[in-house]
Amino acid sequence: MKKLEERLGANKYYVDETSPHIIIDGQHVSKEEAMKLVNGCPAGLYTLQDDGTLAFDFAGCLECGTCRVLCGNSIVKTWKYPKNAKGVEFRQG
């Protein structure tokens, strides 16, 4: 059985570096709210930094909407699908 990292590696990502489709407020967040995203994101894109801020890398996003459901407008300020044929292309892996 393949590990999650191997399966995610089979996907192809078309990243729009100039226009992130998810914008978060990583500065003003409680540890409890941050940990919802750290533990809930299936791609593991949220990390809690040593200084207590929340970091996010949208480049490997699966566009599943889990972060939007878990934290709504409290941390996730903007959530939309990538535009201009950008985003994830799922491949069997």
N, C-alpha and C. Protein backbone atom coordinates (compact mmCIF):
# COMPACT_ATOMS: atom_id res chain seq x y z
N MET A 1 0.84 -1.17 0.00
CA MET A 1 0.00 0.00 0.00
C MET A 1 0.90 1.25 0.00
N LYS A 2 0.55 2.19 -0.84
CA LYS A 2 1.35 3.42 -0.96
C LYS A 2 1.05 4.38 0.17
N LYS A 3 2.07 5.12 0.58
CA LYS A 3 1.91 6.14 1.60
C LYS A 3 1.23 7.37 1.00
N LEU A 4 0.68 8.19 1.89
CA LEU A 4 -0.03 9.40 1.46
C LEU A 4 0.86 10.30 0.62
N GLU A 5 2.10 10.49 1.04
CA GLU A 5 3.02 11.36 0.31
C GLU A 5 3.24 10.87 -1.13
N GLU A 6 3.32 9.56 -1.29
CA GLU A 6 3.50 9.00 -2.64
C GLU A 6 2.27 9.24 -3.50
N ARG A 7 1.11 9.08 -2.91
CA ARG A 7 -0.13 9.30 -3.66
C ARG A 7 -0.30 10.77 -4.05
N LEU A 8 0.00 11.67 -3.10
CA LEU A 8 -0.10 13.09 -3.41
C LEU A 8 0.93 13.49 -4.45
N GLY A 9 2.07 12.84 -4.45
CA GLY A 9 3.12 13.14 -5.42
C GLY A 9 2.73 12.79 -6.85
N ALA A 10 1.74 11.93 -7.02
CA ALA A 10 1.29 11.57 -8.37
C ALA A 10 0.47 12.69 -9.00
N ASN A 11 -0.11 13.57 -8.18
CA ASN A 11 -0.91 14.67 -8.71
C ASN A 11 -0.01 15.70 -9.38
N LYS A 12 -0.60 16.46 -10.27
CA LYS A 12 0.12 17.55 -10.91
C LYS A 12 -0.54 18.86 -10.47
N TYR A 13 0.30 19.84 -10.12
CA TYR A 13 -0.20 21.11 -9.62
C TYR A 13 0.19 22.24 -10.57
N TYR A 14 -0.78 23.01 -10.97
CA TYR A 14 -0.56 24.20 -11.80
C TYR A 14 -0.81 25.40 -10.89
N VAL A 15 0.26 25.97 -10.38
CA VAL A 15 0.16 26.99 -9.35
C VAL A 15 0.23 28.39 -9.95
N ASP A 16 -0.71 29.23 -9.55
CA ASP A 16 -0.71 30.64 -9.94
C ASP A 16 -0.02 31.41 -8.82
N GLU A 17 1.27 31.62 -8.97
CA GLU A 17 2.07 32.26 -7.92
C GLU A 17 1.65 33.71 -7.65
N THR A 18 0.99 34.34 -8.60
CA THR A 18 0.62 35.75 -8.44
C THR A 18 -0.72 35.94 -7.74
N SER A 19 -1.52 34.89 -7.66
CA SER A 19 -2.86 35.04 -7.09
C SER A 19 -3.24 33.80 -6.29
N PRO A 20 -2.90 33.77 -4.98
CA PRO A 20 -3.27 32.60 -4.18
C PRO A 20 -4.78 32.47 -4.05
N HIS A 21 -5.27 31.25 -4.15
CA HIS A 21 -6.72 31.05 -4.07
C HIS A 21 -7.22 30.91 -2.64
N ILE A 22 -6.29 30.76 -1.70
CA ILE A 22 -6.63 30.73 -0.28
C ILE A 22 -5.73 31.73 0.43
N ILE A 23 -6.35 32.59 1.22
CA ILE A 23 -5.61 33.57 2.01
C ILE A 23 -6.04 33.39 3.46
N ILE A 24 -5.05 33.29 4.34
CA ILE A 24 -5.36 33.09 5.75
C ILE A 24 -4.84 34.26 6.59
N ASP A 25 -5.38 34.37 7.79
CA ASP A 25 -4.85 35.28 8.80
C ASP A 25 -4.11 34.40 9.78
N GLY A 26 -2.82 34.26 9.59
CA GLY A 26 -2.01 33.39 10.44
C GLY A 26 -1.46 34.07 11.67
N GLN A 27 -1.71 35.36 11.81
CA GLN A 27 -1.15 36.12 12.92
C GLN A 27 -2.06 36.11 14.15
N HIS A 28 -3.34 36.30 13.93
CA HIS A 28 -4.29 36.46 15.04
C HIS A 28 -5.15 35.20 15.18
N VAL A 29 -4.51 34.14 15.65
CA VAL A 29 -5.21 32.86 15.72
C VAL A 29 -4.84 32.14 17.01
N SER A 30 -5.83 31.51 17.62
CA SER A 30 -5.55 30.74 18.83
C SER A 30 -4.92 29.41 18.42
N LYS A 31 -4.20 28.83 19.35
CA LYS A 31 -3.55 27.54 19.06
C LYS A 31 -4.59 26.47 18.76
N GLU A 32 -5.72 26.51 19.46
CA GLU A 32 -6.78 25.52 19.24
C GLU A 32 -7.34 25.60 17.82
N GLU A 33 -7.59 26.82 17.34
CA GLU A 33 -8.09 27.00 15.98
C GLU A 33 -7.03 26.58 14.95
N ALA A 34 -5.79 26.95 15.20
CA ALA A 34 -4.70 26.60 14.28
C ALA A 34 -4.55 25.09 14.17
N MET A 35 -4.67 24.40 15.28
CA MET A 35 -4.48 22.95 15.27
C MET A 35 -5.59 22.23 14.52
N LYS A 36 -6.76 22.84 14.42
CA LYS A 36 -7.82 22.27 13.58
C LYS A 36 -7.31 22.13 12.14
N LEU A 37 -6.63 23.16 11.66
CA LEU A 37 -6.14 23.15 10.28
C LEU A 37 -4.90 22.27 10.14
N VAL A 38 -4.01 22.33 11.11
CA VAL A 38 -2.79 21.51 11.06
C VAL A 38 -3.18 20.03 10.99
N ASN A 39 -4.14 19.63 11.81
CA ASN A 39 -4.56 18.23 11.86
C ASN A 39 -5.56 17.86 10.78
N GLY A 40 -6.32 18.83 10.28
CA GLY A 40 -7.41 18.53 9.36
C GLY A 40 -7.07 18.56 7.89
N CYS A 41 -6.05 19.31 7.50
CA CYS A 41 -5.71 19.43 6.08
C CYS A 41 -5.15 18.10 5.57
N PRO A 42 -5.83 17.46 4.60
CA PRO A 42 -5.35 16.16 4.12
C PRO A 42 -4.01 16.23 3.40
N ALA A 43 -3.63 17.39 2.92
CA ALA A 43 -2.34 17.53 2.24
C ALA A 43 -1.24 18.02 3.18
N GLY A 44 -1.59 18.33 4.43
CA GLY A 44 -0.61 18.76 5.42
C GLY A 44 0.04 20.10 5.12
N LEU A 45 -0.75 21.05 4.61
CA LEU A 45 -0.20 22.33 4.17
C LEU A 45 -0.15 23.41 5.25
N TYR A 46 -0.76 23.16 6.39
CA TYR A 46 -0.74 24.13 7.48
C TYR A 46 0.27 23.69 8.53
N THR A 47 1.08 24.62 9.02
CA THR A 47 2.04 24.33 10.07
C THR A 47 2.03 25.45 11.11
N LEU A 48 2.11 25.06 12.37
CA LEU A 48 2.19 26.02 13.46
C LEU A 48 3.65 26.31 13.71
N GLN A 49 4.02 27.57 13.59
CA GLN A 49 5.41 27.99 13.74
C GLN A 49 5.78 28.12 15.22
N ASP A 50 7.08 28.16 15.51
CA ASP A 50 7.56 28.28 16.89
C ASP A 50 7.07 29.57 17.56
N ASP A 51 6.86 30.62 16.77
CA ASP A 51 6.40 31.89 17.34
C ASP A 51 4.88 31.97 17.50
N GLY A 52 4.18 30.87 17.21
CA GLY A 52 2.74 30.82 17.39
C GLY A 52 1.92 31.21 16.18
N THR A 53 2.57 31.64 15.10
CA THR A 53 1.83 31.99 13.89
C THR A 53 1.55 30.73 13.07
N LEU A 54 0.58 30.82 12.23
CA LEU A 54 0.18 29.71 11.37
C LEU A 54 0.69 29.97 9.96
N ALA A 55 1.40 29.02 9.40
CA ALA A 55 1.90 29.14 8.03
C ALA A 55 1.11 28.21 7.12
N PHE A 56 0.98 28.61 5.86
CA PHE A 56 0.21 27.84 4.88
C PHE A 56 0.89 27.93 3.53
N ASP A 57 0.98 26.79 2.84
CA ASP A 57 1.55 26.74 1.50
C ASP A 57 0.46 26.28 0.54
N PHE A 58 -0.09 27.20 -0.24
CA PHE A 58 -1.22 26.85 -1.11
C PHE A 58 -0.81 26.05 -2.34
N ALA A 59 0.48 25.91 -2.59
CA ALA A 59 0.94 25.26 -3.82
C ALA A 59 0.53 23.79 -3.93
N GLY A 60 0.37 23.10 -2.83
CA GLY A 60 0.01 21.68 -2.88
C GLY A 60 -1.44 21.42 -2.52
N CYS A 61 -2.27 22.45 -2.63
CA CYS A 61 -3.67 22.37 -2.21
C CYS A 61 -4.46 21.38 -3.06
N LEU A 62 -5.28 20.57 -2.39
CA LEU A 62 -6.16 19.61 -3.07
C LEU A 62 -7.52 20.20 -3.41
N GLU A 63 -7.77 21.44 -3.00
CA GLU A 63 -9.02 22.15 -3.27
C GLU A 63 -10.24 21.43 -2.70
N CYS A 64 -10.05 20.78 -1.55
CA CYS A 64 -11.13 20.00 -0.95
C CYS A 64 -12.08 20.84 -0.11
N GLY A 65 -11.61 21.99 0.39
CA GLY A 65 -12.45 22.86 1.19
C GLY A 65 -12.48 22.53 2.67
N THR A 66 -11.66 21.58 3.11
CA THR A 66 -11.65 21.21 4.52
C THR A 66 -11.35 22.41 5.41
N CYS A 67 -10.38 23.22 5.04
CA CYS A 67 -10.02 24.38 5.85
C CYS A 67 -11.17 25.37 5.95
N ARG A 68 -11.89 25.53 4.90
CA ARG A 68 -13.04 26.45 4.90
C ARG A 68 -14.13 25.94 5.83
N VAL A 69 -14.34 24.63 5.84
CA VAL A 69 -15.36 24.05 6.70
C VAL A 69 -14.94 24.11 8.16
N LEU A 70 -13.67 23.82 8.45
CA LEU A 70 -13.19 23.78 9.82
C LEU A 70 -13.13 25.15 10.49
N CYS A 71 -12.74 26.17 9.74
CA CYS A 71 -12.50 27.47 10.37
C CYS A 71 -13.26 28.62 9.73
N GLY A 72 -14.01 28.36 8.69
CA GLY A 72 -14.83 29.41 8.10
C GLY A 72 -14.08 30.70 7.88
N ASN A 73 -14.61 31.78 8.41
CA ASN A 73 -13.98 33.09 8.24
C ASN A 73 -13.06 33.48 9.39
N SER A 74 -12.86 32.60 10.36
CA SER A 74 -12.01 32.97 11.49
C SER A 74 -10.53 33.01 11.11
N ILE A 75 -10.06 32.07 10.35
CA ILE A 75 -8.66 32.05 9.89
C ILE A 75 -8.60 32.18 8.38
N VAL A 76 -9.45 31.45 7.69
CA VAL A 76 -9.46 31.47 6.23
C VAL A 76 -10.24 32.71 5.78
N LYS A 77 -9.52 33.69 5.31
CA LYS A 77 -10.14 34.96 4.90
C LYS A 77 -10.71 34.87 3.49
N THR A 78 -10.04 34.15 2.62
CA THR A 78 -10.50 33.98 1.23
C THR A 78 -10.30 32.54 0.83
N TRP A 79 -11.33 31.93 0.25
CA TRP A 79 -11.22 30.58 -0.30
C TRP A 79 -12.00 30.58 -1.60
N LYS A 80 -11.31 30.31 -2.68
CA LYS A 80 -11.96 30.21 -3.99
C LYS A 80 -11.17 29.20 -4.81
N TYR A 81 -11.78 28.71 -5.84
CA TYR A 81 -11.04 27.80 -6.73
C TYR A 81 -10.05 28.60 -7.55
N PRO A 82 -8.90 28.01 -7.86
CA PRO A 82 -7.92 28.71 -8.70
C PRO A 82 -8.53 29.02 -10.06
N LYS A 83 -8.08 30.13 -10.64
CA LYS A 83 -8.62 30.52 -11.95
C LYS A 83 -7.60 30.27 -13.05
N ASN A 84 -8.04 30.46 -14.25
CA ASN A 84 -7.17 30.35 -15.44
C ASN A 84 -6.52 28.98 -15.59
N ALA A 85 -7.31 27.92 -15.42
CA ALA A 85 -6.85 26.54 -15.59
C ALA A 85 -5.70 26.19 -14.65
N LYS A 86 -5.67 26.82 -13.49
CA LYS A 86 -4.66 26.50 -12.48
C LYS A 86 -5.29 25.55 -11.46
N GLY A 87 -4.47 25.00 -10.60
CA GLY A 87 -4.96 24.13 -9.54
C GLY A 87 -4.40 22.73 -9.67
N VAL A 88 -5.09 21.80 -9.05
CA VAL A 88 -4.62 20.42 -8.99
C VAL A 88 -5.21 19.59 -10.12
N GLU A 89 -4.40 18.70 -10.65
CA GLU A 89 -4.87 17.70 -11.62
C GLU A 89 -4.65 16.35 -10.96
N PHE A 90 -5.74 15.69 -10.60
CA PHE A 90 -5.62 14.42 -9.89
C PHE A 90 -5.23 13.32 -10.86
N ARG A 91 -4.30 12.49 -10.40
CA ARG A 91 -3.85 11.34 -11.18
C ARG A 91 -3.95 10.11 -10.29
N GLN A 92 -4.27 9.01 -10.90
CA GLN A 92 -4.34 7.76 -10.14
C GLN A 92 -2.96 7.38 -9.69
N GLY A 93 -2.81 7.07 -8.41
CA GLY A 93 -1.47 6.76 -7.92
C GLY A 93 -1.44 5.79 -6.80
